[in-house]
């Protein structure tokens, strides 16, 4: 199946409506300039919320200094 193509000028004039259509139908299309493909407009893939939630364990002080105190003005 050949993907739908739209000239850049038409895309510019109808951009918001075309984006709404992609979101609703989940069908992508290719924008062309002078007959050559330039970009593809595709729907965003849904992602799991917080895939790393609960995978990190905090042990000890995470905001305190890492090393011992030192004197920065030594000559």
PDB file of N, CA and C in Angstrom:
ATOM      1  N   UNK A   1       0.848  -1.187   0.000  1.00  0.00           N
ATOM      2  CA  UNK A   1       0.000   0.000   0.000  1.00  0.00           C
ATOM      3  C   UNK A   1       0.889   1.245   0.000  1.00  0.00           C
ATOM      4  N   UNK A   2       0.636   2.153  -0.927  1.00  0.00           N
ATOM      5  CA  UNK A   2       1.412   3.379  -1.029  1.00  0.00           C
ATOM      6  C   UNK A   2       0.908   4.399  -0.010  1.00  0.00           C
ATOM      7  N   UNK A   3       1.868   5.054   0.655  1.00  0.00           N
ATOM      8  CA  UNK A   3       1.522   6.050   1.657  1.00  0.00           C
ATOM      9  C   UNK A   3       1.022   7.329   0.991  1.00  0.00           C
ATOM     10  N   UNK A   4       0.059   7.961   1.623  1.00  0.00           N
ATOM     11  CA  UNK A   4      -0.508   9.204   1.107  1.00  0.00           C
ATOM     12  C   UNK A   4       0.540  10.311   1.129  1.00  0.00           C
ATOM     13  N   UNK A   5       0.584  11.123   0.084  1.00  0.00           N
ATOM     14  CA  UNK A   5       1.504  12.267   0.027  1.00  0.00           C
ATOM     15  C   UNK A   5       0.713  13.557  -0.117  1.00  0.00           C
ATOM     16  N   UNK A   6       1.288  14.627   0.436  1.00  0.00           N
ATOM     17  CA  UNK A   6       0.663  15.949   0.381  1.00  0.00           C
ATOM     18  C   UNK A   6       1.739  16.965   0.037  1.00  0.00           C
ATOM     19  N   UNK A   7       1.499  17.849  -0.936  1.00  0.00           N
ATOM     20  CA  UNK A   7       2.475  18.895  -1.250  1.00  0.00           C
ATOM     21  C   UNK A   7       2.648  19.847  -0.058  1.00  0.00           C
ATOM     22  N   UNK A   8       3.856  20.371   0.090  1.00  0.00           N
ATOM     23  CA  UNK A   8       4.173  21.242   1.227  1.00  0.00           C
ATOM     24  C   UNK A   8       3.247  22.449   1.315  1.00  0.00           C
ATOM     25  N   UNK A   9       2.884  23.035   0.184  1.00  0.00           N
ATOM     26  CA  UNK A   9       1.988  24.197   0.195  1.00  0.00           C
ATOM     27  C   UNK A   9       0.629  23.860   0.790  1.00  0.00           C
ATOM     28  N   UNK A  10       0.088  22.701   0.423  1.00  0.00           N
ATOM     29  CA  UNK A  10      -1.200  22.270   0.980  1.00  0.00           C
ATOM     30  C   UNK A  10      -1.052  21.963   2.462  1.00  0.00           C
ATOM     31  N   UNK A  11       0.074  21.326   2.835  1.00  0.00           N
ATOM     32  CA  UNK A  11       0.316  21.035   4.251  1.00  0.00           C
ATOM     33  C   UNK A  11       0.358  22.331   5.062  1.00  0.00           C
ATOM     34  N   UNK A  12       1.037  23.341   4.532  1.00  0.00           N
ATOM     35  CA  UNK A  12       1.138  24.627   5.220  1.00  0.00           C
ATOM     36  C   UNK A  12      -0.243  25.249   5.434  1.00  0.00           C
ATOM     37  N   UNK A  13      -1.082  25.194   4.415  1.00  0.00           N
ATOM     38  CA  UNK A  13      -2.409  25.800   4.486  1.00  0.00           C
ATOM     39  C   UNK A  13      -3.360  25.037   5.405  1.00  0.00           C
ATOM     40  N   UNK A  14      -3.188  23.718   5.502  1.00  0.00           N
ATOM     41  CA  UNK A  14      -4.137  22.884   6.254  1.00  0.00           C
ATOM     42  C   UNK A  14      -3.495  22.164   7.433  1.00  0.00           C
ATOM     43  N   UNK A  15      -2.370  22.659   7.899  1.00  0.00           N
ATOM     44  CA  UNK A  15      -1.556  21.969   8.896  1.00  0.00           C
ATOM     45  C   UNK A  15      -2.335  21.494  10.127  1.00  0.00           C
ATOM     46  N   UNK A  16      -3.046  22.371  10.793  1.00  0.00           N
ATOM     47  CA  UNK A  16      -3.741  21.997  12.033  1.00  0.00           C
ATOM     48  C   UNK A  16      -4.798  20.923  11.795  1.00  0.00           C
ATOM     49  N   UNK A  17      -5.545  21.045  10.716  1.00  0.00           N
ATOM     50  CA  UNK A  17      -6.547  20.036  10.391  1.00  0.00           C
ATOM     51  C   UNK A  17      -5.919  18.685  10.075  1.00  0.00           C
ATOM     52  N   UNK A  18      -4.797  18.709   9.349  1.00  0.00           N
ATOM     53  CA  UNK A  18      -4.109  17.461   9.010  1.00  0.00           C
ATOM     54  C   UNK A  18      -3.547  16.782  10.264  1.00  0.00           C
ATOM     55  N   UNK A  19      -3.018  17.572  11.185  1.00  0.00           N
ATOM     56  CA  UNK A  19      -2.501  17.011  12.436  1.00  0.00           C
ATOM     57  C   UNK A  19      -3.632  16.373  13.237  1.00  0.00           C
ATOM     58  N   UNK A  20      -4.766  17.051  13.303  1.00  0.00           N
ATOM     59  CA  UNK A  20      -5.925  16.479  13.997  1.00  0.00           C
ATOM     60  C   UNK A  20      -6.357  15.165  13.348  1.00  0.00           C
ATOM     61  N   UNK A  21      -6.306  15.125  12.029  1.00  0.00           N
ATOM     62  CA  UNK A  21      -6.701  13.919  11.297  1.00  0.00           C
ATOM     63  C   UNK A  21      -5.750  12.754  11.614  1.00  0.00           C
ATOM     64  N   UNK A  22      -4.456  13.019  11.673  1.00  0.00           N
ATOM     65  CA  UNK A  22      -3.478  11.967  12.015  1.00  0.00           C
ATOM     66  C   UNK A  22      -3.725  11.464  13.430  1.00  0.00           C
ATOM     67  N   UNK A  23      -4.000  12.370  14.339  1.00  0.00           N
ATOM     68  CA  UNK A  23      -4.268  11.966  15.724  1.00  0.00           C
ATOM     69  C   UNK A  23      -5.520  11.097  15.815  1.00  0.00           C
ATOM     70  N   UNK A  24      -6.528  11.431  15.027  1.00  0.00           N
ATOM     71  CA  UNK A  24      -7.798  10.696  15.077  1.00  0.00           C
ATOM     72  C   UNK A  24      -7.721   9.344  14.370  1.00  0.00           C
ATOM     73  N   UNK A  25      -7.156   9.327  13.147  1.00  0.00           N
ATOM     74  CA  UNK A  25      -7.151   8.103  12.345  1.00  0.00           C
ATOM     75  C   UNK A  25      -5.919   7.232  12.572  1.00  0.00           C
ATOM     76  N   UNK A  26      -4.848   7.815  13.172  1.00  0.00           N
ATOM     77  CA  UNK A  26      -3.578   7.114  13.411  1.00  0.00           C
ATOM     78  C   UNK A  26      -2.891   6.748  12.097  1.00  0.00           C
ATOM     79  N   UNK A  27      -3.242   7.420  10.989  1.00  0.00           N
ATOM     80  CA  UNK A  27      -2.628   7.167   9.688  1.00  0.00           C
ATOM     81  C   UNK A  27      -1.633   8.285   9.366  1.00  0.00           C
ATOM     82  N   UNK A  28      -0.425   7.900   9.004  1.00  0.00           N
ATOM     83  CA  UNK A  28       0.606   8.885   8.698  1.00  0.00           C
ATOM     84  C   UNK A  28       0.542   9.304   7.225  1.00  0.00           C
ATOM     85  N   UNK A  29       1.285  10.359   6.875  1.00  0.00           N
ATOM     86  CA  UNK A  29       1.391  10.792   5.491  1.00  0.00           C
ATOM     87  C   UNK A  29       2.744  11.456   5.281  1.00  0.00           C
ATOM     88  N   UNK A  30       3.120  11.608   4.023  1.00  0.00           N
ATOM     89  CA  UNK A  30       4.405  12.197   3.661  1.00  0.00           C
ATOM     90  C   UNK A  30       4.168  13.557   3.021  1.00  0.00           C
ATOM     91  N   UNK A  31       4.955  14.549   3.450  1.00  0.00           N
ATOM     92  CA  UNK A  31       4.901  15.892   2.873  1.00  0.00           C
ATOM     93  C   UNK A  31       6.010  15.968   1.825  1.00  0.00           C
ATOM     94  N   UNK A  32       5.653  16.480   0.639  1.00  0.00           N
ATOM     95  CA  UNK A  32       6.621  16.574  -0.456  1.00  0.00           C
ATOM     96  C   UNK A  32       6.884  18.023  -0.843  1.00  0.00           C
ATOM     97  N   UNK A  33       8.084  18.247  -1.379  1.00  0.00           N
ATOM     98  CA  UNK A  33       8.453  19.535  -1.969  1.00  0.00           C
ATOM     99  C   UNK A  33       8.967  19.244  -3.365  1.00  0.00           C
ATOM    100  N   UNK A  34       8.353  19.860  -4.351  1.00  0.00           N
ATOM    101  CA  UNK A  34       8.716  19.628  -5.756  1.00  0.00           C
ATOM    102  C   UNK A  34       8.686  18.138  -6.096  1.00  0.00           C
ATOM    103  N   UNK A  35       7.727  17.424  -5.511  1.00  0.00           N
ATOM    104  CA  UNK A  35       7.552  16.008  -5.804  1.00  0.00           C
ATOM    105  C   UNK A  35       8.456  15.067  -5.029  1.00  0.00           C
ATOM    106  N   UNK A  36       9.383  15.610  -4.252  1.00  0.00           N
ATOM    107  CA  UNK A  36      10.309  14.779  -3.482  1.00  0.00           C
ATOM    108  C   UNK A  36       9.864  14.703  -2.024  1.00  0.00           C
ATOM    109  N   UNK A  37       9.881  13.508  -1.402  1.00  0.00           N
ATOM    110  CA  UNK A  37       9.495  13.398   0.005  1.00  0.00           C
ATOM    111  C   UNK A  37      10.458  14.182   0.902  1.00  0.00           C
ATOM    112  N   UNK A  38       9.891  14.910   1.859  1.00  0.00           N
ATOM    113  CA  UNK A  38      10.697  15.733   2.759  1.00  0.00           C
ATOM    114  C   UNK A  38      10.548  15.259   4.197  1.00  0.00           C
ATOM    115  N   UNK A  39       9.323  15.115   4.644  1.00  0.00           N
ATOM    116  CA  UNK A  39       9.066  14.671   6.020  1.00  0.00           C
ATOM    117  C   UNK A  39       7.877  13.721   6.033  1.00  0.00           C
ATOM    118  N   UNK A  40       7.797  12.962   7.126  1.00  0.00           N
ATOM    119  CA  UNK A  40       6.643  12.090   7.333  1.00  0.00           C
ATOM    120  C   UNK A  40       5.981  12.508   8.633  1.00  0.00           C
ATOM    121  N   UNK A  41       4.688  12.715   8.578  1.00  0.00           N
ATOM    122  CA  UNK A  41       3.916  13.060   9.771  1.00  0.00           C
ATOM    123  C   UNK A  41       3.299  11.768  10.294  1.00  0.00           C
ATOM    124  N   UNK A  42       3.686  11.396  11.523  1.00  0.00           N
ATOM    125  CA  UNK A  42       3.221  10.134  12.103  1.00  0.00           C
ATOM    126  C   UNK A  42       2.616  10.394  13.475  1.00  0.00           C
ATOM    127  N   UNK A  43       1.669   9.560  13.898  1.00  0.00           N
ATOM    128  CA  UNK A  43       1.096   9.736  15.235  1.00  0.00           C
ATOM    129  C   UNK A  43       2.108   9.337  16.308  1.00  0.00           C
ATOM    130  N   UNK A  44       2.009   9.965  17.443  1.00  0.00           N
ATOM    131  CA  UNK A  44       2.883   9.660  18.571  1.00  0.00           C
ATOM    132  C   UNK A  44       2.479   8.317  19.158  1.00  0.00           C
ATOM    133  N   UNK A  45       3.466   7.487  19.459  1.00  0.00           N
ATOM    134  CA  UNK A  45       3.198   6.195  20.083  1.00  0.00           C
ATOM    135  C   UNK A  45       3.002   6.394  21.586  1.00  0.00           C
ATOM    136  N   UNK A  46       1.981   5.772  22.122  1.00  0.00           N
ATOM    137  CA  UNK A  46       1.727   5.874  23.554  1.00  0.00           C
ATOM    138  C   UNK A  46       2.832   5.163  24.324  1.00  0.00           C
ATOM    139  N   UNK A  47       3.276   5.776  25.414  1.00  0.00           N
ATOM    140  CA  UNK A  47       4.315   5.172  26.247  1.00  0.00           C
ATOM    141  C   UNK A  47       3.759   4.847  27.621  1.00  0.00           C
ATOM    142  N   UNK A  48       4.378   3.886  28.260  1.00  0.00           N
ATOM    143  CA  UNK A  48       3.990   3.569  29.629  1.00  0.00           C
ATOM    144  C   UNK A  48       4.367   4.733  30.527  1.00  0.00           C
ATOM    145  N   UNK A  49       3.513   5.034  31.482  1.00  0.00           N
ATOM    146  CA  UNK A  49       3.804   6.098  32.436  1.00  0.00           C
ATOM    147  C   UNK A  49       4.779   5.574  33.482  1.00  0.00           C
ATOM    148  N   UNK A  50       5.810   6.340  33.768  1.00  0.00           N
ATOM    149  CA  UNK A  50       6.808   6.012  34.790  1.00  0.00           C
ATOM    150  C   UNK A  50       7.394   4.602  34.649  1.00  0.00           C
ATOM    151  N   UNK A  51       8.039   4.290  33.536  1.00  0.00           N
ATOM    152  CA  UNK A  51       8.584   2.940  33.377  1.00  0.00           C
ATOM    153  C   UNK A  51       9.700   2.627  34.374  1.00  0.00           C
ATOM    154  N   UNK A  52      10.352   3.639  34.939  1.00  0.00           N
ATOM    155  CA  UNK A  52      11.424   3.404  35.912  1.00  0.00           C
ATOM    156  C   UNK A  52      10.969   3.601  37.359  1.00  0.00           C
ATOM    157  N   UNK A  53       9.702   3.917  37.539  1.00  0.00           N
ATOM    158  CA  UNK A  53       9.192   4.159  38.882  1.00  0.00           C
ATOM    159  C   UNK A  53       9.444   2.952  39.787  1.00  0.00           C
ATOM    160  N   UNK A  54      10.079   3.194  40.932  1.00  0.00           N
ATOM    161  CA  UNK A  54      10.357   2.127  41.890  1.00  0.00           C
ATOM    162  C   UNK A  54      11.625   1.351  41.614  1.00  0.00           C
ATOM    163  N   UNK A  55      12.370   1.710  40.576  1.00  0.00           N
ATOM    164  CA  UNK A  55      13.574   0.952  40.240  1.00  0.00           C
ATOM    165  C   UNK A  55      14.841   1.522  40.867  1.00  0.00           C
ATOM    166  N   UNK A  56      14.754   2.648  41.564  1.00  0.00           N
ATOM    167  CA  UNK A  56      15.921   3.278  42.173  1.00  0.00           C
ATOM    168  C   UNK A  56      15.770   3.269  43.686  1.00  0.00           C
ATOM    169  N   UNK A  57      16.854   2.917  44.370  1.00  0.00           N
ATOM    170  CA  UNK A  57      16.855   2.919  45.826  1.00  0.00           C
ATOM    171  C   UNK A  57      17.867   3.942  46.306  1.00  0.00           C
ATOM    172  N   UNK A  58      17.452   4.855  47.182  1.00  0.00           N
ATOM    173  CA  UNK A  58      18.344   5.868  47.734  1.00  0.00           C
ATOM    174  C   UNK A  58      18.933   5.322  49.032  1.00  0.00           C
ATOM    175  N   UNK A  59      20.261   5.351  49.103  1.00  0.00           N
ATOM    176  CA  UNK A  59      20.955   4.879  50.306  1.00  0.00           C
ATOM    177  C   UNK A  59      21.864   5.998  50.809  1.00  0.00           C
ATOM    178  N   UNK A  60      21.543   6.549  51.924  1.00  0.00           N
ATOM    179  CA  UNK A  60      22.379   7.597  52.511  1.00  0.00           C
ATOM    180  C   UNK A  60      22.014   8.986  52.022  1.00  0.00           C
ATOM    181  N   UNK A  61      22.899   9.928  52.302  1.00  0.00           N
ATOM    182  CA  UNK A  61      22.695  11.337  51.989  1.00  0.00           C
ATOM    183  C   UNK A  61      23.008  11.591  50.515  1.00  0.00           C
ATOM    184  N   UNK A  62      22.017  12.047  49.754  1.00  0.00           N
ATOM    185  CA  UNK A  62      22.246  12.289  48.326  1.00  0.00           C
ATOM    186  C   UNK A  62      22.509  13.759  48.004  1.00  0.00           C
ATOM    187  N   UNK A  63      22.450  14.647  49.027  1.00  0.00           N
ATOM    188  CA  UNK A  63      22.682  16.062  48.765  1.00  0.00           C
ATOM    189  C   UNK A  63      23.904  16.609  49.484  1.00  0.00           C
ATOM    190  N   UNK A  64      24.454  15.882  50.392  1.00  0.00           N
ATOM    191  CA  UNK A  64      25.632  16.337  51.133  1.00  0.00           C
ATOM    192  C   UNK A  64      26.893  16.224  50.306  1.00  0.00           C
ATOM    193  N   UNK A  65      28.005  16.767  50.836  1.00  0.00           N
ATOM    194  CA  UNK A  65      29.277  16.685  50.110  1.00  0.00           C
ATOM    195  C   UNK A  65      29.754  15.238  49.968  1.00  0.00           C
ATOM    196  N   UNK A  66      30.431  14.968  48.874  1.00  0.00           N
ATOM    197  CA  UNK A  66      30.923  13.627  48.594  1.00  0.00           C
ATOM    198  C   UNK A  66      32.257  13.382  49.286  1.00  0.00           C
ATOM    199  N   UNK A  67      33.132  14.387  49.271  1.00  0.00           N
ATOM    200  CA  UNK A  67      34.459  14.258  49.850  1.00  0.00           C
ATOM    201  C   UNK A  67      34.545  14.991  51.181  1.00  0.00           C
ATOM    202  N   UNK A  68      35.660  14.793  51.891  1.00  0.00           N
ATOM    203  CA  UNK A  68      35.894  15.522  53.137  1.00  0.00           C
ATOM    204  C   UNK A  68      36.055  16.998  52.840  1.00  0.00           C
ATOM    205  N   UNK A  69      35.863  17.814  53.873  1.00  0.00           N
ATOM    206  CA  UNK A  69      36.028  19.264  53.720  1.00  0.00           C
ATOM    207  C   UNK A  69      37.475  19.564  53.314  1.00  0.00           C
ATOM    208  N   UNK A  70      37.666  20.596  52.516  1.00  0.00           N
ATOM    209  CA  UNK A  70      39.020  20.983  52.088  1.00  0.00           C
ATOM    210  C   UNK A  70      39.096  22.490  51.984  1.00  0.00           C
ATOM    211  N   UNK A  71      40.311  22.991  52.049  1.00  0.00           N
ATOM    212  CA  UNK A  71      40.525  24.422  52.028  1.00  0.00           C
ATOM    213  C   UNK A  71      40.865  24.853  50.601  1.00  0.00           C
ATOM    214  N   UNK A  72      39.992  25.602  49.961  1.00  0.00           N
ATOM    215  CA  UNK A  72      40.171  26.010  48.575  1.00  0.00           C
ATOM    216  C   UNK A  72      41.144  27.165  48.424  1.00  0.00           C
ATOM    217  N   UNK A  73      41.513  27.820  49.500  1.00  0.00           N
ATOM    218  CA  UNK A  73      42.392  28.987  49.399  1.00  0.00           C
ATOM    219  C   UNK A  73      43.838  28.685  49.768  1.00  0.00           C
ATOM    220  N   UNK A  74      44.244  27.434  49.751  1.00  0.00           N
ATOM    221  CA  UNK A  74      45.640  27.095  50.037  1.00  0.00           C
ATOM    222  C   UNK A  74      46.557  27.625  48.941  1.00  0.00           C
ATOM    223  N   UNK A  75      47.717  28.045  49.322  1.00  0.00           N
ATOM    224  CA  UNK A  75      48.693  28.541  48.348  1.00  0.00           C
ATOM    225  C   UNK A  75      49.649  27.467  47.953  1.00  0.00           C
TER     226      UNK A  75
END
